[in-house]
Amino acid sequence: MEGTVVSVTPGVAALSNEDAAAIKESQRSGTGKIWRTIARPDAESAVAFVNTPPAQQGGEVSFASLPNGYVQVYYYL
């Protein structure tokens, strides 16, 4: 998508893996799952995030490489 402007919420990509996992845990609810997204600084951090309990299952996660080197994670939680 030529000309697309990509923005990352300030500070989100700079979260430690532990802080990102805490965000994921806080998003758990008994009201059902919804699609969410978070930007991670690299592929290793993105994979660690989706494998943090509760780990996403098949079809519950998608990744996108961003032009600035970050990885956008779309996850169903």
N, C-alpha and C. Protein backbone atom coordinates (compact mmCIF):
# COMPACT_ATOMS: atom_id res chain seq x y z
N MET A 1 0.83 -1.17 0.00
CA MET A 1 0.00 0.00 0.00
C MET A 1 0.88 1.24 0.00
N GLU A 2 1.26 1.63 -1.15
CA GLU A 2 2.14 2.77 -1.30
C GLU A 2 1.49 4.03 -0.76
N GLY A 3 2.25 4.81 -0.01
CA GLY A 3 1.75 6.06 0.53
C GLY A 3 0.99 5.90 1.84
N THR A 4 0.91 4.68 2.36
CA THR A 4 0.21 4.45 3.62
C THR A 4 1.06 4.98 4.76
N VAL A 5 0.43 5.72 5.65
CA VAL A 5 1.11 6.21 6.83
C VAL A 5 0.87 5.22 7.96
N VAL A 6 1.95 4.77 8.58
CA VAL A 6 1.84 3.82 9.67
C VAL A 6 2.19 4.54 10.95
N SER A 7 1.31 4.44 11.93
CA SER A 7 1.62 5.03 13.22
C SER A 7 1.56 3.95 14.29
N VAL A 8 2.41 4.08 15.25
CA VAL A 8 2.43 3.16 16.39
C VAL A 8 2.16 4.01 17.62
N THR A 9 1.21 3.57 18.44
CA THR A 9 0.89 4.32 19.65
C THR A 9 2.17 4.50 20.45
N PRO A 10 2.49 5.74 20.82
CA PRO A 10 3.74 5.98 21.55
C PRO A 10 3.85 5.11 22.79
N GLY A 11 5.00 4.52 22.96
CA GLY A 11 5.27 3.72 24.14
C GLY A 11 4.81 2.27 24.06
N VAL A 12 3.85 1.95 23.20
CA VAL A 12 3.32 0.59 23.16
C VAL A 12 4.39 -0.39 22.69
N ALA A 13 5.08 -0.07 21.61
CA ALA A 13 6.09 -0.99 21.09
C ALA A 13 7.29 -1.10 22.02
N ALA A 14 7.48 -0.09 22.86
CA ALA A 14 8.61 -0.10 23.78
C ALA A 14 8.33 -0.88 25.06
N LEU A 15 7.12 -1.41 25.20
CA LEU A 15 6.79 -2.20 26.39
C LEU A 15 7.68 -3.42 26.49
N SER A 16 8.05 -3.76 27.71
CA SER A 16 8.79 -5.01 27.90
C SER A 16 7.83 -6.16 27.61
N ASN A 17 8.38 -7.34 27.39
CA ASN A 17 7.54 -8.52 27.17
C ASN A 17 6.64 -8.76 28.38
N GLU A 18 7.15 -8.50 29.58
CA GLU A 18 6.36 -8.70 30.79
C GLU A 18 5.20 -7.72 30.85
N ASP A 19 5.44 -6.46 30.50
CA ASP A 19 4.37 -5.46 30.51
C ASP A 19 3.33 -5.77 29.44
N ALA A 20 3.77 -6.23 28.28
CA ALA A 20 2.83 -6.60 27.22
C ALA A 20 1.96 -7.76 27.67
N ALA A 21 2.58 -8.74 28.37
CA ALA A 21 1.82 -9.88 28.89
C ALA A 21 0.80 -9.42 29.93
N ALA A 22 1.16 -8.43 30.74
CA ALA A 22 0.22 -7.90 31.74
C ALA A 22 -0.97 -7.24 31.06
N ILE A 23 -0.72 -6.55 29.95
CA ILE A 23 -1.82 -5.96 29.18
C ILE A 23 -2.73 -7.06 28.67
N LYS A 24 -2.13 -8.10 28.12
CA LYS A 24 -2.92 -9.22 27.59
C LYS A 24 -3.77 -9.84 28.69
N GLU A 25 -3.19 -10.05 29.86
CA GLU A 25 -3.94 -10.64 30.98
C GLU A 25 -5.09 -9.73 31.40
N SER A 26 -4.87 -8.43 31.40
CA SER A 26 -5.92 -7.49 31.82
C SER A 26 -7.07 -7.44 30.81
N GLN A 27 -6.82 -7.86 29.57
CA GLN A 27 -7.85 -7.82 28.53
C GLN A 27 -8.75 -9.05 28.54
N ARG A 28 -8.40 -10.05 29.32
CA ARG A 28 -9.24 -11.25 29.39
C ARG A 28 -10.56 -10.87 30.04
N SER A 29 -11.62 -11.38 29.47
CA SER A 29 -12.94 -11.12 30.06
C SER A 29 -13.83 -12.33 29.87
N GLY A 30 -14.83 -12.41 30.69
CA GLY A 30 -15.78 -13.51 30.60
C GLY A 30 -16.91 -13.21 29.63
N THR A 31 -16.83 -12.06 28.94
CA THR A 31 -17.92 -11.65 28.05
C THR A 31 -17.72 -12.08 26.61
N GLY A 32 -16.67 -12.82 26.33
CA GLY A 32 -16.42 -13.27 24.97
C GLY A 32 -15.17 -12.62 24.39
N LYS A 33 -14.70 -13.21 23.32
CA LYS A 33 -13.47 -12.74 22.69
C LYS A 33 -13.76 -11.69 21.64
N ILE A 34 -12.79 -10.78 21.45
CA ILE A 34 -12.84 -9.80 20.38
C ILE A 34 -11.43 -9.69 19.78
N TRP A 35 -11.34 -9.17 18.57
CA TRP A 35 -10.04 -8.95 17.94
C TRP A 35 -9.40 -7.71 18.55
N ARG A 36 -8.12 -7.81 18.86
CA ARG A 36 -7.33 -6.71 19.43
C ARG A 36 -6.04 -6.60 18.63
N THR A 37 -5.29 -5.54 18.87
CA THR A 37 -4.02 -5.38 18.18
C THR A 37 -3.00 -4.71 19.08
N ILE A 38 -1.74 -5.05 18.85
CA ILE A 38 -0.63 -4.43 19.55
C ILE A 38 0.57 -4.45 18.61
N ALA A 39 1.40 -3.45 18.69
CA ALA A 39 2.64 -3.40 17.90
C ALA A 39 3.78 -3.86 18.79
N ARG A 40 4.63 -4.73 18.25
CA ARG A 40 5.81 -5.20 18.97
C ARG A 40 7.04 -4.83 18.16
N PRO A 41 8.18 -4.62 18.81
CA PRO A 41 9.35 -4.11 18.11
C PRO A 41 10.01 -5.08 17.14
N ASP A 42 9.75 -6.38 17.28
CA ASP A 42 10.37 -7.35 16.37
C ASP A 42 9.56 -8.65 16.39
N ALA A 43 9.90 -9.56 15.49
CA ALA A 43 9.15 -10.82 15.36
C ALA A 43 9.26 -11.67 16.61
N GLU A 44 10.43 -11.71 17.22
CA GLU A 44 10.63 -12.52 18.43
C GLU A 44 9.70 -12.04 19.56
N SER A 45 9.61 -10.75 19.73
CA SER A 45 8.73 -10.19 20.76
C SER A 45 7.26 -10.44 20.43
N ALA A 46 6.90 -10.40 19.15
CA ALA A 46 5.52 -10.67 18.73
C ALA A 46 5.13 -12.11 19.03
N VAL A 47 6.03 -13.05 18.73
CA VAL A 47 5.76 -14.46 19.00
C VAL A 47 5.68 -14.71 20.51
N ALA A 48 6.57 -14.10 21.28
CA ALA A 48 6.52 -14.25 22.74
C ALA A 48 5.19 -13.75 23.28
N PHE A 49 4.70 -12.64 22.71
CA PHE A 49 3.43 -12.08 23.17
C PHE A 49 2.28 -13.05 22.94
N VAL A 50 2.16 -13.61 21.74
CA VAL A 50 1.02 -14.50 21.47
C VAL A 50 1.13 -15.84 22.20
N ASN A 51 2.34 -16.22 22.60
CA ASN A 51 2.52 -17.47 23.35
C ASN A 51 2.37 -17.28 24.86
N THR A 52 2.24 -16.02 25.30
CA THR A 52 2.00 -15.74 26.70
C THR A 52 0.61 -16.23 27.06
N PRO A 53 0.46 -16.92 28.20
CA PRO A 53 -0.87 -17.41 28.58
C PRO A 53 -1.90 -16.27 28.67
N PRO A 54 -3.07 -16.48 28.16
CA PRO A 54 -3.49 -17.64 27.40
C PRO A 54 -2.98 -17.54 25.96
N ALA A 55 -2.27 -18.56 25.53
CA ALA A 55 -1.71 -18.57 24.17
C ALA A 55 -2.83 -18.61 23.14
N GLN A 56 -2.62 -17.90 22.02
CA GLN A 56 -3.60 -17.94 20.95
C GLN A 56 -3.54 -19.29 20.25
N GLN A 57 -4.68 -19.72 19.76
CA GLN A 57 -4.80 -20.99 19.05
C GLN A 57 -4.82 -20.71 17.54
N GLY A 58 -4.88 -21.75 16.74
CA GLY A 58 -4.94 -21.60 15.29
C GLY A 58 -6.09 -20.69 14.88
N GLY A 59 -5.81 -19.74 14.03
CA GLY A 59 -6.83 -18.82 13.55
C GLY A 59 -7.11 -17.65 14.47
N GLU A 60 -6.40 -17.57 15.60
CA GLU A 60 -6.64 -16.50 16.56
C GLU A 60 -5.55 -15.43 16.55
N VAL A 61 -4.65 -15.49 15.58
CA VAL A 61 -3.59 -14.49 15.52
C VAL A 61 -3.16 -14.27 14.07
N SER A 62 -2.77 -13.05 13.79
CA SER A 62 -2.23 -12.69 12.48
C SER A 62 -1.16 -11.64 12.70
N PHE A 63 -0.15 -11.66 11.85
CA PHE A 63 0.97 -10.71 11.97
C PHE A 63 1.09 -9.89 10.71
N ALA A 64 1.57 -8.67 10.86
CA ALA A 64 1.87 -7.82 9.70
C ALA A 64 3.19 -7.09 9.96
N SER A 65 4.08 -7.16 9.00
CA SER A 65 5.34 -6.42 9.09
C SER A 65 5.08 -4.99 8.70
N LEU A 66 5.51 -4.06 9.53
CA LEU A 66 5.31 -2.64 9.25
C LEU A 66 6.58 -2.05 8.64
N PRO A 67 6.45 -1.00 7.85
CA PRO A 67 7.61 -0.39 7.20
C PRO A 67 8.68 0.11 8.17
N ASN A 68 8.29 0.41 9.40
CA ASN A 68 9.26 0.92 10.37
C ASN A 68 9.98 -0.20 11.13
N GLY A 69 9.74 -1.47 10.74
CA GLY A 69 10.41 -2.60 11.37
C GLY A 69 9.61 -3.27 12.47
N TYR A 70 8.58 -2.62 12.94
CA TYR A 70 7.73 -3.22 13.98
C TYR A 70 6.88 -4.34 13.38
N VAL A 71 6.29 -5.15 14.26
CA VAL A 71 5.38 -6.20 13.85
C VAL A 71 4.03 -5.90 14.50
N GLN A 72 3.01 -5.76 13.69
CA GLN A 72 1.66 -5.55 14.19
C GLN A 72 1.05 -6.92 14.46
N VAL A 73 0.54 -7.13 15.66
CA VAL A 73 -0.06 -8.39 16.05
C VAL A 73 -1.56 -8.18 16.20
N TYR A 74 -2.34 -8.97 15.49
CA TYR A 74 -3.79 -8.97 15.62
C TYR A 74 -4.13 -10.28 16.32
N TYR A 75 -4.77 -10.18 17.47
CA TYR A 75 -5.04 -11.40 18.23
C TYR A 75 -6.47 -11.40 18.76
N TYR A 76 -7.00 -12.61 18.90
CA TYR A 76 -8.39 -12.82 19.31
C TYR A 76 -8.38 -13.23 20.77
N LEU A 77 -8.87 -12.32 21.63
CA LEU A 77 -8.86 -12.58 23.05
C LEU A 77 -10.06 -11.91 23.70
